Amino acid sequence: MPSSSTLPLQIHQAIASLSPKLLSRSGAVFYTGKEAFSGSRALYVLGLNPGGDPEIQSEETIAHDLDDFASRPGPWSAYANARWANAEPGKWGLQPRVLHMLRVLGLDPQAVPASNTVFVRTRSEAALKLDKAELLAECWPIHHAVIEALGVRVALLHNVARA
């Protein structure tokens, strides 16, 4: 879990309040490094939830993701630096689209805080329906803390639901 010295206290406290049940599920919280969650940030980018397969990626838990976040050195962006589906970094799925959007806005993808509205991984948006309200309620304190601590003025929610 990220130390309180690396994040604003509000964000650290919100992370600490996540339930063990949620932490043990397949998923991801932050898509940028700690540097993006410090100082003042005008934009907060949010996807719906991590894609993939929660069974195949069962070891990629939310707790594991938070540990990775805490230990990741320097600036980082899942959109620019992570390999998704073994593709070159920044080349898979919505990575190029998010990078293009940030480039057009004149923003460094490693400096823009990014997350998902719901941290739990599902194969599809439809798979969220059963416990979506509960998951939204559990994840909201993190988003509220980010918005308040960083003075976020715009939260951009992108959804790439496919038929």
C-alpha atoms as a PDB file:
ATOM      1  CA  MET A   1       0.000   0.000   0.000  1.00  0.00           C
ATOM      2  CA  PRO A   2       1.369   3.478  -0.843  1.00  0.00           C
ATOM      3  CA  SER A   3       2.958   5.253   2.106  1.00  0.00           C
ATOM      4  CA  SER A   4       1.321   8.428   3.398  1.00  0.00           C
ATOM      5  CA  SER A   5       4.493  10.377   2.562  1.00  0.00           C
ATOM      6  CA  THR A   6       4.054   9.727  -1.170  1.00  0.00           C
ATOM      7  CA  LEU A   7       0.398  10.699  -1.505  1.00  0.00           C
ATOM      8  CA  PRO A   8      -1.833  13.380  -0.053  1.00  0.00           C
ATOM      9  CA  LEU A   9      -3.210  12.131   3.279  1.00  0.00           C
ATOM     10  CA  GLN A  10      -6.811  12.110   1.978  1.00  0.00           C
ATOM     11  CA  ILE A  11      -5.910   9.679  -0.799  1.00  0.00           C
ATOM     12  CA  HIS A  12      -3.843   7.478   1.505  1.00  0.00           C
ATOM     13  CA  GLN A  13      -6.715   7.291   4.006  1.00  0.00           C
ATOM     14  CA  ALA A  14      -9.223   6.419   1.263  1.00  0.00           C
ATOM     15  CA  ILE A  15      -6.970   3.599   0.037  1.00  0.00           C
ATOM     16  CA  ALA A  16      -6.614   2.306   3.596  1.00  0.00           C
ATOM     17  CA  SER A  17     -10.407   2.147   3.907  1.00  0.00           C
ATOM     18  CA  LEU A  18     -10.858  -0.334   1.036  1.00  0.00           C
ATOM     19  CA  SER A  19     -12.365  -3.610   2.238  1.00  0.00           C
ATOM     20  CA  PRO A  20     -10.301  -6.817   2.274  1.00  0.00           C
ATOM     21  CA  LYS A  21     -13.019  -8.391   0.100  1.00  0.00           C
ATOM     22  CA  LEU A  22     -12.469  -5.757  -2.603  1.00  0.00           C
ATOM     23  CA  LEU A  23      -8.670  -5.906  -2.274  1.00  0.00           C
ATOM     24  CA  SER A  24      -8.690  -9.646  -2.985  1.00  0.00           C
ATOM     25  CA  ARG A  25     -10.552  -9.303  -6.294  1.00  0.00           C
ATOM     26  CA  SER A  26      -8.928  -9.112  -9.721  1.00  0.00           C
ATOM     27  CA  GLY A  27      -8.579  -5.504 -10.795  1.00  0.00           C
ATOM     28  CA  ALA A  28      -6.600  -2.279 -10.794  1.00  0.00           C
ATOM     29  CA  VAL A  29      -6.840   1.131  -9.130  1.00  0.00           C
ATOM     30  CA  PHE A  30      -4.365   3.656 -10.515  1.00  0.00           C
ATOM     31  CA  TYR A  31      -3.237   3.913 -14.140  1.00  0.00           C
ATOM     32  CA  THR A  32      -0.550   6.520 -13.477  1.00  0.00           C
ATOM     33  CA  GLY A  33       2.280   6.748 -10.964  1.00  0.00           C
ATOM     34  CA  LYS A  34       2.352   8.545  -7.623  1.00  0.00           C
ATOM     35  CA  GLU A  35       3.655  11.762  -9.156  1.00  0.00           C
ATOM     36  CA  ALA A  36       0.352  12.227 -11.005  1.00  0.00           C
ATOM     37  CA  PHE A  37      -1.471  12.071  -7.657  1.00  0.00           C
ATOM     38  CA  SER A  38       0.398  14.949  -6.074  1.00  0.00           C
ATOM     39  CA  GLY A  39       0.258  18.706  -6.409  1.00  0.00           C
ATOM     40  CA  SER A  40      -2.587  20.312  -8.301  1.00  0.00           C
ATOM     41  CA  ARG A  41      -4.155  18.599 -11.315  1.00  0.00           C
ATOM     42  CA  ALA A  42      -6.946  20.004 -13.473  1.00  0.00           C
ATOM     43  CA  LEU A  43      -7.922  16.694 -15.161  1.00  0.00           C
ATOM     44  CA  TYR A  44      -8.721  13.232 -13.785  1.00  0.00           C
ATOM     45  CA  VAL A  45      -9.192  10.489 -16.411  1.00  0.00           C
ATOM     46  CA  LEU A  46     -11.465   7.578 -15.519  1.00  0.00           C
ATOM     47  CA  GLY A  47     -12.323   4.429 -17.420  1.00  0.00           C
ATOM     48  CA  LEU A  48     -15.261   2.249 -16.445  1.00  0.00           C
ATOM     49  CA  ASN A  49     -13.284  -0.717 -15.078  1.00  0.00           C
ATOM     50  CA  PRO A  50     -10.254  -2.849 -15.938  1.00  0.00           C
ATOM     51  CA  GLY A  51     -10.879  -5.184 -18.818  1.00  0.00           C
ATOM     52  CA  GLY A  52      -9.585  -8.668 -19.248  1.00  0.00           C
ATOM     53  CA  ASP A  53     -10.513 -11.934 -17.637  1.00  0.00           C
ATOM     54  CA  PRO A  54     -10.820 -12.032 -13.839  1.00  0.00           C
ATOM     55  CA  GLU A  55     -10.227 -15.796 -13.831  1.00  0.00           C
ATOM     56  CA  ILE A  56      -7.139 -15.798 -16.036  1.00  0.00           C
ATOM     57  CA  GLN A  57      -5.855 -12.666 -14.248  1.00  0.00           C
ATOM     58  CA  SER A  58      -6.909 -13.819 -10.772  1.00  0.00           C
ATOM     59  CA  GLU A  59      -3.464 -13.083  -9.317  1.00  0.00           C
ATOM     60  CA  GLU A  60      -3.654  -9.477 -10.546  1.00  0.00           C
ATOM     61  CA  THR A  61      -5.625  -8.370  -7.502  1.00  0.00           C
ATOM     62  CA  ILE A  62      -6.426  -4.852  -6.408  1.00  0.00           C
ATOM     63  CA  ALA A  63      -4.089  -5.324  -3.426  1.00  0.00           C
ATOM     64  CA  HIS A  64      -1.293  -6.414  -5.777  1.00  0.00           C
ATOM     65  CA  ASP A  65      -1.965  -3.402  -8.004  1.00  0.00           C
ATOM     66  CA  LEU A  66      -1.683  -1.057  -5.011  1.00  0.00           C
ATOM     67  CA  ASP A  67       1.619  -2.700  -4.031  1.00  0.00           C
ATOM     68  CA  ASP A  68       2.900  -2.181  -7.590  1.00  0.00           C
ATOM     69  CA  PHE A  69       1.749   1.447  -7.445  1.00  0.00           C
ATOM     70  CA  ALA A  70       3.647   1.972  -4.185  1.00  0.00           C
ATOM     71  CA  SER A  71       6.881   0.475  -5.501  1.00  0.00           C
ATOM     72  CA  ARG A  72       6.811   1.888  -9.034  1.00  0.00           C
ATOM     73  CA  PRO A  73       9.707   4.334  -9.451  1.00  0.00           C
ATOM     74  CA  GLY A  74       9.365   7.653 -11.243  1.00  0.00           C
ATOM     75  CA  PRO A  75       6.684   8.895 -13.598  1.00  0.00           C
ATOM     76  CA  TRP A  76       4.579   6.163 -15.201  1.00  0.00           C
ATOM     77  CA  SER A  77       1.396   5.697 -17.224  1.00  0.00           C
ATOM     78  CA  ALA A  78      -0.391   2.432 -18.008  1.00  0.00           C
ATOM     79  CA  TYR A  79      -1.472   4.019 -21.272  1.00  0.00           C
ATOM     80  CA  ALA A  80       2.094   4.852 -22.352  1.00  0.00           C
ATOM     81  CA  ASN A  81       4.336   2.407 -20.489  1.00  0.00           C
ATOM     82  CA  ALA A  82       2.423  -0.835 -19.831  1.00  0.00           C
ATOM     83  CA  ARG A  83       2.257  -3.880 -22.083  1.00  0.00           C
ATOM     84  CA  TRP A  84      -1.360  -4.881 -22.562  1.00  0.00           C
ATOM     85  CA  ALA A  85      -1.998  -8.262 -24.198  1.00  0.00           C
ATOM     86  CA  ASN A  86       1.756  -8.558 -24.906  1.00  0.00           C
ATOM     87  CA  ALA A  87       1.607  -5.653 -27.369  1.00  0.00           C
ATOM     88  CA  GLU A  88       4.216  -2.903 -27.412  1.00  0.00           C
ATOM     89  CA  PRO A  89       3.588  -0.304 -24.668  1.00  0.00           C
ATOM     90  CA  GLY A  90       0.980   2.240 -25.735  1.00  0.00           C
ATOM     91  CA  LYS A  91      -0.194   0.184 -28.729  1.00  0.00           C
ATOM     92  CA  TRP A  92      -3.074  -1.987 -27.461  1.00  0.00           C
ATOM     93  CA  GLY A  93      -6.800  -1.317 -27.258  1.00  0.00           C
ATOM     94  CA  LEU A  94      -7.611   2.103 -25.962  1.00  0.00           C
ATOM     95  CA  GLN A  95      -4.006   3.032 -25.075  1.00  0.00           C
ATOM     96  CA  PRO A  96      -3.386   4.835 -28.395  1.00  0.00           C
ATOM     97  CA  ARG A  97      -6.715   6.698 -28.168  1.00  0.00           C
ATOM     98  CA  VAL A  98      -6.075   7.962 -24.645  1.00  0.00           C
ATOM     99  CA  LEU A  99      -2.517   8.941 -25.575  1.00  0.00           C
ATOM    100  CA  HIS A 100      -3.802  10.802 -28.627  1.00  0.00           C
ATOM    101  CA  MET A 101      -6.416  12.653 -26.551  1.00  0.00           C
ATOM    102  CA  LEU A 102      -3.811  13.712 -23.975  1.00  0.00           C
ATOM    103  CA  ARG A 103      -1.361  14.758 -26.704  1.00  0.00           C
ATOM    104  CA  VAL A 104      -4.047  16.936 -28.353  1.00  0.00           C
ATOM    105  CA  LEU A 105      -4.706  18.526 -24.946  1.00  0.00           C
ATOM    106  CA  GLY A 106      -0.969  19.147 -24.523  1.00  0.00           C
ATOM    107  CA  LEU A 107      -0.779  16.913 -21.446  1.00  0.00           C
ATOM    108  CA  ASP A 108       1.876  14.412 -20.377  1.00  0.00           C
ATOM    109  CA  PRO A 109       0.167  11.022 -19.826  1.00  0.00           C
ATOM    110  CA  GLN A 110       2.493  10.367 -16.886  1.00  0.00           C
ATOM    111  CA  ALA A 111       1.322  13.565 -15.145  1.00  0.00           C
ATOM    112  CA  VAL A 112      -2.449  13.128 -15.494  1.00  0.00           C
ATOM    113  CA  PRO A 113      -4.071  11.116 -12.692  1.00  0.00           C
ATOM    114  CA  ALA A 114      -5.949   8.152 -14.158  1.00  0.00           C
ATOM    115  CA  SER A 115      -8.029   5.361 -12.687  1.00  0.00           C
ATOM    116  CA  ASN A 116     -11.230   3.414 -13.269  1.00  0.00           C
ATOM    117  CA  THR A 117     -14.635   4.228 -11.830  1.00  0.00           C
ATOM    118  CA  VAL A 118     -14.844   0.619 -10.594  1.00  0.00           C
ATOM    119  CA  PHE A 119     -11.604  -1.143  -9.677  1.00  0.00           C
ATOM    120  CA  VAL A 120     -12.844  -4.718 -10.235  1.00  0.00           C
ATOM    121  CA  ARG A 121     -11.942  -6.446 -13.510  1.00  0.00           C
ATOM    122  CA  THR A 122     -14.723  -7.932 -15.651  1.00  0.00           C
ATOM    123  CA  ARG A 123     -14.902  -9.393 -19.150  1.00  0.00           C
ATOM    124  CA  SER A 124     -17.676  -6.948 -20.065  1.00  0.00           C
ATOM    125  CA  GLU A 125     -19.719  -4.041 -18.730  1.00  0.00           C
ATOM    126  CA  ALA A 126     -22.717  -6.379 -18.474  1.00  0.00           C
ATOM    127  CA  ALA A 127     -20.785  -8.499 -15.938  1.00  0.00           C
ATOM    128  CA  LEU A 128     -20.728  -5.480 -13.594  1.00  0.00           C
ATOM    129  CA  LYS A 129     -24.512  -5.219 -13.346  1.00  0.00           C
ATOM    130  CA  LEU A 130     -24.951  -7.578 -10.392  1.00  0.00           C
ATOM    131  CA  ASP A 131     -22.874  -5.582  -7.929  1.00  0.00           C
ATOM    132  CA  LYS A 132     -22.233  -2.309  -9.774  1.00  0.00           C
ATOM    133  CA  ALA A 133     -23.974  -0.084  -7.192  1.00  0.00           C
ATOM    134  CA  GLU A 134     -22.022  -1.674  -4.322  1.00  0.00           C
ATOM    135  CA  LEU A 135     -18.726  -1.393  -6.209  1.00  0.00           C
ATOM    136  CA  LEU A 136     -19.355   2.234  -7.140  1.00  0.00           C
ATOM    137  CA  ALA A 137     -20.052   3.034  -3.481  1.00  0.00           C
ATOM    138  CA  GLU A 138     -16.866   1.306  -2.351  1.00  0.00           C
ATOM    139  CA  CYS A 139     -14.650   2.929  -4.983  1.00  0.00           C
ATOM    140  CA  TRP A 140     -16.106   6.455  -4.701  1.00  0.00           C
ATOM    141  CA  PRO A 141     -14.092   7.485  -1.572  1.00  0.00           C
ATOM    142  CA  ILE A 142     -10.851   7.117  -3.562  1.00  0.00           C
ATOM    143  CA  HIS A 143     -12.195   9.277  -6.388  1.00  0.00           C
ATOM    144  CA  HIS A 144     -13.562  11.852  -3.966  1.00  0.00           C
ATOM    145  CA  ALA A 145     -10.193  12.030  -2.209  1.00  0.00           C
ATOM    146  CA  VAL A 146      -8.333  12.447  -5.533  1.00  0.00           C
ATOM    147  CA  ILE A 147     -10.683  15.208  -6.694  1.00  0.00           C
ATOM    148  CA  GLU A 148     -10.481  17.069  -3.384  1.00  0.00           C
ATOM    149  CA  ALA A 149      -6.751  16.622  -2.715  1.00  0.00           C
ATOM    150  CA  LEU A 150      -5.624  17.567  -6.224  1.00  0.00           C
ATOM    151  CA  GLY A 151      -8.198  20.292  -6.879  1.00  0.00           C
ATOM    152  CA  VAL A 152      -9.435  18.450  -9.974  1.00  0.00           C
ATOM    153  CA  ARG A 153     -11.713  20.643 -12.101  1.00  0.00           C
ATOM    154  CA  VAL A 154     -12.631  18.094 -14.797  1.00  0.00           C
ATOM    155  CA  ALA A 155     -13.177  14.361 -14.470  1.00  0.00           C
ATOM    156  CA  LEU A 156     -13.276  12.719 -17.894  1.00  0.00           C
ATOM    157  CA  LEU A 157     -15.036   9.365 -17.979  1.00  0.00           C
ATOM    158  CA  HIS A 158     -14.311   7.314 -21.070  1.00  0.00           C
ATOM    159  CA  ASN A 159     -16.235   4.146 -21.763  1.00  0.00           C
ATOM    160  CA  VAL A 160     -15.325   1.799 -24.556  1.00  0.00           C
ATOM    161  CA  ALA A 161     -18.310  -0.531 -24.323  1.00  0.00           C
ATOM    162  CA  ARG A 162     -18.595  -2.706 -27.388  1.00  0.00           C
ATOM    163  CA  ALA A 163     -21.617  -4.470 -28.809  1.00  0.00           C
END
